[in-house]
Amino acid sequence: MRKFVALALIQLGFLAACGGGGYGGGGGTPPPPPPTQMIAAPGPPNVETLTVDAGPPASTFLAVNTAFVSVKVCVPGTSTCKTIDHIEVDTGSTGLRIMSSVLTSAPAITLPAETDGTNPLAECLQFADGTSWGSLATADM
């Protein structure tokens, strides 16, 4: 019986604590608002136009309310570039993943392979729905 009474009193204590702490009727001065936080300066280069739609027109999958951007990819140190439309914005990933078929379609560009000095490098990343494996290349953006 003592355990039951103790548990009941503890629960009542939690209930009593839930309603406190408000500013209404206390007559006190409310705290000042938090300071304005600026994460990035507005305007270029930290601003990009987003497209939210069902994905690229030729895609074999349907994306629902997915954010995409266009990215200008250039061969390093040159003005040889290609703008690639519908790059998915994925804030949980690192790097930029582009299918090689997109780079080799007209107008084609060839990016130099990333190497360890001799051998080409590749990368394997784990995602929630599987893995992604591919070669690494260098590009100017």
N, C-alpha and C. Protein backbone atom coordinates (compact mmCIF):
# COMPACT_ATOMS: atom_id res chain seq x y z
N MET A 1 0.82 -1.18 0.00
CA MET A 1 0.00 0.00 0.00
C MET A 1 0.87 1.26 0.00
N ARG A 2 1.99 1.23 0.73
CA ARG A 2 2.87 2.40 0.77
C ARG A 2 3.44 2.70 -0.62
N LYS A 3 3.79 1.64 -1.36
CA LYS A 3 4.32 1.84 -2.70
C LYS A 3 3.28 2.51 -3.59
N PHE A 4 2.03 2.09 -3.47
CA PHE A 4 0.96 2.66 -4.27
C PHE A 4 0.78 4.15 -3.95
N VAL A 5 0.78 4.50 -2.68
CA VAL A 5 0.63 5.90 -2.26
C VAL A 5 1.83 6.72 -2.74
N ALA A 6 3.02 6.17 -2.63
CA ALA A 6 4.22 6.88 -3.06
C ALA A 6 4.18 7.14 -4.57
N LEU A 7 3.78 6.13 -5.35
CA LEU A 7 3.68 6.30 -6.80
C LEU A 7 2.62 7.33 -7.15
N ALA A 8 1.48 7.30 -6.44
CA ALA A 8 0.41 8.27 -6.70
C ALA A 8 0.90 9.69 -6.41
N LEU A 9 1.66 9.87 -5.32
CA LEU A 9 2.17 11.20 -4.97
C LEU A 9 3.19 11.69 -6.00
N ILE A 10 4.01 10.79 -6.49
CA ILE A 10 5.00 11.15 -7.51
C ILE A 10 4.28 11.62 -8.77
N GLN A 11 3.23 10.87 -9.18
CA GLN A 11 2.47 11.25 -10.37
C GLN A 11 1.79 12.60 -10.18
N LEU A 12 1.24 12.85 -9.00
CA LEU A 12 0.62 14.15 -8.72
C LEU A 12 1.67 15.26 -8.77
N GLY A 13 2.87 14.98 -8.30
CA GLY A 13 3.94 15.96 -8.36
C GLY A 13 4.28 16.33 -9.80
N PHE A 14 4.32 15.33 -10.70
CA PHE A 14 4.57 15.61 -12.11
C PHE A 14 3.45 16.43 -12.70
N LEU A 15 2.20 16.12 -12.38
CA LEU A 15 1.07 16.88 -12.89
C LEU A 15 1.11 18.33 -12.43
N ALA A 16 1.45 18.55 -11.18
CA ALA A 16 1.51 19.90 -10.64
C ALA A 16 2.62 20.70 -11.33
N ALA A 17 3.70 20.06 -11.68
CA ALA A 17 4.83 20.74 -12.31
C ALA A 17 4.55 21.11 -13.76
N CYS A 18 3.59 20.44 -14.41
CA CYS A 18 3.33 20.67 -15.83
C CYS A 18 2.74 22.04 -16.12
N GLY A 19 2.02 22.64 -15.19
CA GLY A 19 1.34 23.89 -15.49
C GLY A 19 2.12 25.13 -15.12
N GLY A 20 3.27 25.04 -14.51
CA GLY A 20 3.99 26.22 -14.04
C GLY A 20 4.85 26.85 -15.09
N GLY A 21 5.40 28.00 -14.73
CA GLY A 21 6.39 28.64 -15.59
C GLY A 21 5.85 29.62 -16.60
N GLY A 22 4.53 29.84 -16.66
CA GLY A 22 3.98 30.75 -17.65
C GLY A 22 4.17 32.20 -17.25
N TYR A 23 3.96 33.11 -18.23
CA TYR A 23 4.12 34.53 -17.97
C TYR A 23 2.79 35.20 -17.66
N GLY A 24 1.69 34.52 -17.92
CA GLY A 24 0.38 35.14 -17.76
C GLY A 24 0.06 35.45 -16.31
N GLY A 25 -0.30 36.68 -16.03
CA GLY A 25 -0.78 37.07 -14.71
C GLY A 25 0.30 37.22 -13.66
N GLY A 26 1.55 36.95 -13.99
CA GLY A 26 2.60 37.01 -12.99
C GLY A 26 3.07 38.43 -12.73
N GLY A 27 2.76 39.34 -13.64
CA GLY A 27 3.16 40.72 -13.45
C GLY A 27 4.63 40.98 -13.72
N GLY A 28 5.41 39.91 -14.02
CA GLY A 28 6.83 40.09 -14.27
C GLY A 28 7.07 40.54 -15.70
N THR A 29 8.29 40.92 -15.98
CA THR A 29 8.67 41.33 -17.33
C THR A 29 9.09 40.09 -18.12
N PRO A 30 8.52 39.90 -19.32
CA PRO A 30 8.93 38.74 -20.12
C PRO A 30 10.39 38.88 -20.54
N PRO A 31 11.05 37.77 -20.81
CA PRO A 31 12.46 37.84 -21.22
C PRO A 31 12.57 38.49 -22.60
N PRO A 32 13.73 39.04 -22.93
CA PRO A 32 13.90 39.65 -24.25
C PRO A 32 13.87 38.58 -25.33
N PRO A 33 13.53 38.95 -26.57
CA PRO A 33 13.52 37.97 -27.65
C PRO A 33 14.94 37.50 -27.94
N PRO A 34 15.09 36.29 -28.49
CA PRO A 34 16.44 35.82 -28.83
C PRO A 34 17.05 36.68 -29.93
N PRO A 35 18.38 36.75 -29.99
CA PRO A 35 19.01 37.58 -31.02
C PRO A 35 18.75 36.99 -32.41
N THR A 36 18.72 37.85 -33.41
CA THR A 36 18.54 37.40 -34.79
C THR A 36 19.79 36.63 -35.20
N GLN A 37 19.57 35.50 -35.85
CA GLN A 37 20.69 34.65 -36.25
C GLN A 37 20.82 34.67 -37.75
N MET A 38 21.99 35.00 -38.26
CA MET A 38 22.25 35.04 -39.68
C MET A 38 23.18 33.87 -40.01
N ILE A 39 22.67 32.89 -40.75
CA ILE A 39 23.47 31.71 -41.09
C ILE A 39 24.35 31.99 -42.29
N ALA A 40 23.81 32.65 -43.30
CA ALA A 40 24.59 33.00 -44.48
C ALA A 40 24.10 34.35 -44.97
N ALA A 41 25.01 35.12 -45.51
CA ALA A 41 24.62 36.41 -46.06
C ALA A 41 23.68 36.19 -47.24
N PRO A 42 22.59 36.96 -47.32
CA PRO A 42 21.69 36.78 -48.45
C PRO A 42 22.36 37.14 -49.76
N GLY A 43 22.03 36.44 -50.79
CA GLY A 43 22.57 36.71 -52.12
C GLY A 43 23.69 35.77 -52.49
N PRO A 44 24.15 35.88 -53.73
CA PRO A 44 25.20 34.98 -54.22
C PRO A 44 26.43 35.07 -53.35
N PRO A 45 27.23 34.06 -53.15
CA PRO A 45 27.13 32.75 -53.78
C PRO A 45 26.35 31.74 -52.96
N ASN A 46 25.69 32.16 -51.89
CA ASN A 46 25.04 31.20 -51.01
C ASN A 46 23.56 30.99 -51.33
N VAL A 47 23.09 31.46 -52.45
CA VAL A 47 21.68 31.35 -52.79
C VAL A 47 21.56 30.69 -54.16
N GLU A 48 20.71 29.70 -54.26
CA GLU A 48 20.45 29.03 -55.53
C GLU A 48 18.95 28.94 -55.74
N THR A 49 18.53 28.92 -56.98
CA THR A 49 17.13 28.74 -57.30
C THR A 49 16.79 27.25 -57.20
N LEU A 50 15.75 26.95 -56.45
CA LEU A 50 15.30 25.56 -56.29
C LEU A 50 14.11 25.30 -57.19
N THR A 51 14.05 24.09 -57.70
CA THR A 51 12.87 23.62 -58.42
C THR A 51 12.33 22.45 -57.62
N VAL A 52 11.05 22.49 -57.29
CA VAL A 52 10.43 21.39 -56.57
C VAL A 52 9.41 20.77 -57.51
N ASP A 53 9.70 19.54 -57.96
CA ASP A 53 8.79 18.87 -58.89
C ASP A 53 8.97 17.36 -58.81
N ALA A 54 8.54 16.65 -59.85
CA ALA A 54 8.57 15.19 -59.85
C ALA A 54 9.86 14.62 -60.42
N GLY A 55 10.85 15.45 -60.72
CA GLY A 55 12.13 14.96 -61.20
C GLY A 55 12.36 15.28 -62.67
N PRO A 56 13.52 14.88 -63.20
CA PRO A 56 13.85 15.15 -64.60
C PRO A 56 12.81 14.54 -65.53
N PRO A 57 12.55 15.20 -66.66
CA PRO A 57 11.52 14.70 -67.58
C PRO A 57 11.74 13.26 -68.07
N ALA A 58 12.99 12.86 -68.26
CA ALA A 58 13.28 11.53 -68.79
C ALA A 58 13.51 10.48 -67.70
N SER A 59 13.24 10.82 -66.44
CA SER A 59 13.55 9.88 -65.36
C SER A 59 12.56 8.71 -65.35
N THR A 60 13.04 7.58 -64.87
CA THR A 60 12.21 6.38 -64.80
C THR A 60 11.56 6.23 -63.43
N PHE A 61 11.78 7.21 -62.55
CA PHE A 61 11.18 7.18 -61.22
C PHE A 61 10.40 8.47 -61.01
N LEU A 62 9.50 8.45 -60.08
CA LEU A 62 8.72 9.64 -59.75
C LEU A 62 9.15 10.15 -58.40
N ALA A 63 9.65 11.36 -58.36
CA ALA A 63 10.02 12.00 -57.11
C ALA A 63 8.84 12.86 -56.68
N VAL A 64 8.55 12.88 -55.40
CA VAL A 64 7.43 13.67 -54.90
C VAL A 64 7.99 14.81 -54.06
N ASN A 65 7.67 16.04 -54.46
CA ASN A 65 8.10 17.24 -53.73
C ASN A 65 9.58 17.21 -53.39
N THR A 66 10.40 16.94 -54.38
CA THR A 66 11.85 16.88 -54.19
C THR A 66 12.47 18.17 -54.69
N ALA A 67 13.42 18.71 -53.94
CA ALA A 67 14.11 19.94 -54.33
C ALA A 67 15.28 19.61 -55.24
N PHE A 68 15.38 20.34 -56.35
CA PHE A 68 16.46 20.17 -57.32
C PHE A 68 17.10 21.52 -57.61
N VAL A 69 18.38 21.50 -58.01
CA VAL A 69 19.08 22.70 -58.46
C VAL A 69 19.77 22.39 -59.79
N SER A 70 20.17 23.43 -60.50
CA SER A 70 21.03 23.27 -61.67
C SER A 70 22.45 23.59 -61.24
N VAL A 71 23.40 22.80 -61.72
CA VAL A 71 24.80 22.97 -61.32
C VAL A 71 25.66 23.09 -62.58
N LYS A 72 26.54 24.11 -62.60
CA LYS A 72 27.48 24.28 -63.70
C LYS A 72 28.78 23.58 -63.31
N VAL A 73 29.12 22.54 -64.07
CA VAL A 73 30.31 21.72 -63.82
C VAL A 73 31.31 22.00 -64.93
N CYS A 74 32.56 22.31 -64.55
CA CYS A 74 33.59 22.65 -65.54
C CYS A 74 34.81 21.76 -65.38
N VAL A 75 35.46 21.49 -66.51
CA VAL A 75 36.75 20.81 -66.48
C VAL A 75 37.70 21.76 -65.75
N PRO A 76 38.43 21.26 -64.74
CA PRO A 76 39.27 22.14 -63.91
C PRO A 76 40.20 23.04 -64.72
N GLY A 77 40.19 24.34 -64.37
CA GLY A 77 41.10 25.29 -65.00
C GLY A 77 40.73 25.68 -66.41
N THR A 78 39.54 25.31 -66.89
CA THR A 78 39.14 25.65 -68.26
C THR A 78 37.77 26.32 -68.24
N SER A 79 37.35 26.74 -69.42
CA SER A 79 36.00 27.27 -69.57
C SER A 79 35.09 26.24 -70.23
N THR A 80 35.53 24.99 -70.28
CA THR A 80 34.72 23.90 -70.82
C THR A 80 33.77 23.45 -69.73
N CYS A 81 32.50 23.81 -69.89
CA CYS A 81 31.52 23.58 -68.82
C CYS A 81 30.24 22.98 -69.37
N LYS A 82 29.46 22.45 -68.46
CA LYS A 82 28.14 21.92 -68.77
C LYS A 82 27.24 22.21 -67.58
N THR A 83 26.05 22.76 -67.85
CA THR A 83 25.08 22.98 -66.79
C THR A 83 24.18 21.76 -66.72
N ILE A 84 24.11 21.16 -65.54
CA ILE A 84 23.33 19.95 -65.35
C ILE A 84 22.10 20.31 -64.53
N ASP A 85 20.95 20.06 -65.11
CA ASP A 85 19.68 20.37 -64.47
C ASP A 85 19.22 19.21 -63.59
N HIS A 86 18.42 19.52 -62.61
CA HIS A 86 17.79 18.53 -61.73
C HIS A 86 18.79 17.71 -60.92
N ILE A 87 19.71 18.39 -60.24
CA ILE A 87 20.57 17.74 -59.26
C ILE A 87 19.80 17.78 -57.94
N GLU A 88 19.55 16.62 -57.36
CA GLU A 88 18.75 16.56 -56.13
C GLU A 88 19.51 17.18 -54.96
N VAL A 89 18.82 18.02 -54.20
CA VAL A 89 19.38 18.63 -53.00
C VAL A 89 19.25 17.61 -51.88
N ASP A 90 20.37 17.16 -51.36
CA ASP A 90 20.38 16.15 -50.31
C ASP A 90 21.29 16.66 -49.20
N THR A 91 20.69 17.22 -48.16
CA THR A 91 21.48 17.82 -47.09
C THR A 91 22.14 16.79 -46.20
N GLY A 92 21.82 15.52 -46.38
CA GLY A 92 22.43 14.49 -45.55
C GLY A 92 23.62 13.82 -46.20
N SER A 93 24.03 14.28 -47.36
CA SER A 93 25.13 13.66 -48.10
C SER A 93 26.31 14.60 -48.23
N THR A 94 27.41 14.06 -48.73
CA THR A 94 28.59 14.87 -49.01
C THR A 94 28.94 14.71 -50.48
N GLY A 95 29.54 15.72 -51.04
CA GLY A 95 29.98 15.64 -52.43
C GLY A 95 28.83 15.80 -53.42
N LEU A 96 29.15 15.64 -54.68
CA LEU A 96 28.19 15.75 -55.77
C LEU A 96 28.26 14.47 -56.58
N ARG A 97 27.14 13.81 -56.74
CA ARG A 97 27.08 12.57 -57.51
C ARG A 97 26.37 12.82 -58.82
N ILE A 98 27.08 12.56 -59.92
CA ILE A 98 26.53 12.76 -61.26
C ILE A 98 26.75 11.48 -62.05
N MET A 99 25.70 11.00 -62.69
CA MET A 99 25.83 9.81 -63.54
C MET A 99 26.75 10.15 -64.71
N SER A 100 27.66 9.24 -65.06
CA SER A 100 28.60 9.51 -66.15
C SER A 100 27.86 9.72 -67.47
N SER A 101 26.70 9.09 -67.66
CA SER A 101 25.95 9.26 -68.90
C SER A 101 25.49 10.71 -69.08
N VAL A 102 25.28 11.42 -67.98
CA VAL A 102 24.88 12.84 -68.07
C VAL A 102 26.06 13.66 -68.55
N LEU A 103 27.27 13.34 -68.12
CA LEU A 103 28.46 14.08 -68.54
C LEU A 103 28.83 13.78 -69.98
N THR A 104 28.56 12.56 -70.45
CA THR A 104 28.98 12.18 -71.80
C THR A 104 27.93 12.47 -72.86
N SER A 105 26.70 12.88 -72.46
CA SER A 105 25.70 13.26 -73.45
C SER A 105 26.01 14.67 -73.94
N ALA A 106 25.55 15.01 -75.13
CA ALA A 106 25.87 16.29 -75.75
C ALA A 106 25.33 17.45 -74.93
N PRO A 107 26.10 18.50 -74.75
CA PRO A 107 27.53 18.62 -75.04
C PRO A 107 28.35 17.88 -73.98
N ALA A 108 29.17 16.98 -74.41
CA ALA A 108 29.92 16.12 -73.50
C ALA A 108 31.12 16.85 -72.91
N ILE A 109 31.41 16.55 -71.66
CA ILE A 109 32.66 16.99 -71.04
C ILE A 109 33.29 15.79 -70.37
N THR A 110 34.60 15.81 -70.27
CA THR A 110 35.33 14.74 -69.62
C THR A 110 36.09 15.32 -68.44
N LEU A 111 35.77 14.83 -67.25
CA LEU A 111 36.43 15.30 -66.03
C LEU A 111 37.60 14.39 -65.71
N PRO A 112 38.73 14.94 -65.26
CA PRO A 112 39.88 14.10 -64.92
C PRO A 112 39.61 13.28 -63.66
N ALA A 113 40.06 12.05 -63.69
CA ALA A 113 39.89 11.15 -62.54
C ALA A 113 40.72 11.64 -61.36
N GLU A 114 40.17 11.50 -60.18
CA GLU A 114 40.91 11.78 -58.94
C GLU A 114 41.80 10.57 -58.69
N THR A 115 43.08 10.81 -58.39
CA THR A 115 44.00 9.69 -58.17
C THR A 115 44.75 9.85 -56.86
N ASP A 116 45.42 8.79 -56.47
CA ASP A 116 46.31 8.85 -55.30
C ASP A 116 47.73 9.17 -55.74
N GLY A 117 47.85 9.70 -56.94
CA GLY A 117 49.15 9.98 -57.53
C GLY A 117 49.42 9.05 -58.69
N THR A 118 48.89 7.83 -58.62
CA THR A 118 49.06 6.84 -59.67
C THR A 118 47.74 6.19 -60.04
N ASN A 119 47.02 5.71 -59.05
CA ASN A 119 45.80 4.93 -59.29
C ASN A 119 44.54 5.77 -59.14
N PRO A 120 43.54 5.51 -60.01
CA PRO A 120 42.28 6.23 -59.86
C PRO A 120 41.58 5.83 -58.56
N LEU A 121 40.90 6.80 -57.95
CA LEU A 121 40.19 6.55 -56.69
C LEU A 121 38.70 6.35 -56.94
N ALA A 122 38.08 5.55 -56.07
CA ALA A 122 36.63 5.34 -56.10
C ALA A 122 36.12 5.47 -54.68
N GLU A 123 34.81 5.54 -54.54
CA GLU A 123 34.21 5.75 -53.23
C GLU A 123 32.95 4.92 -53.11
N CYS A 124 32.74 4.40 -51.91
CA CYS A 124 31.52 3.67 -51.60
C CYS A 124 30.89 4.33 -50.37
N LEU A 125 29.64 4.77 -50.50
CA LEU A 125 28.95 5.41 -49.40
C LEU A 125 27.68 4.64 -49.05
N GLN A 126 27.42 4.51 -47.77
CA GLN A 126 26.23 3.83 -47.27
C GLN A 126 25.10 4.84 -47.13
N PHE A 127 23.93 4.50 -47.65
CA PHE A 127 22.73 5.31 -47.49
C PHE A 127 21.69 4.46 -46.78
N ALA A 128 20.60 5.09 -46.39
CA ALA A 128 19.52 4.37 -45.70
C ALA A 128 18.93 3.28 -46.59
N ASP A 129 18.91 3.52 -47.91
CA ASP A 129 18.29 2.56 -48.83
C ASP A 129 19.30 1.77 -49.65
N GLY A 130 20.56 1.76 -49.26
CA GLY A 130 21.55 0.97 -49.99
C GLY A 130 22.90 1.66 -50.00
N THR A 131 23.69 1.33 -51.01
CA THR A 131 25.02 1.91 -51.14
C THR A 131 25.19 2.57 -52.50
N SER A 132 26.15 3.45 -52.58
CA SER A 132 26.49 4.11 -53.84
C SER A 132 27.98 3.92 -54.06
N TRP A 133 28.35 3.41 -55.23
CA TRP A 133 29.74 3.13 -55.54
C TRP A 133 30.07 3.83 -56.84
N GLY A 134 31.22 4.50 -56.91
CA GLY A 134 31.60 5.12 -58.16
C GLY A 134 32.97 5.74 -58.10
N SER A 135 33.46 6.09 -59.29
CA SER A 135 34.77 6.71 -59.42
C SER A 135 34.68 8.17 -58.97
N LEU A 136 35.83 8.73 -58.65
CA LEU A 136 35.91 10.13 -58.23
C LEU A 136 36.57 10.95 -59.35
N ALA A 137 36.05 12.13 -59.58
CA ALA A 137 36.62 13.04 -60.58
C ALA A 137 36.74 14.42 -59.97
N THR A 138 37.59 15.24 -60.58
CA THR A 138 37.80 16.60 -60.13
C THR A 138 37.07 17.54 -61.09
N ALA A 139 36.42 18.58 -60.51
CA ALA A 139 35.69 19.55 -61.34
C ALA A 139 35.73 20.91 -60.66
N ASP A 140 35.58 21.95 -61.47
CA ASP A 140 35.36 23.30 -60.97
C ASP A 140 33.86 23.53 -61.00
N MET A 141 33.39 24.23 -59.98
CA MET A 141 31.94 24.49 -59.92
C MET A 141 31.69 25.96 -60.03
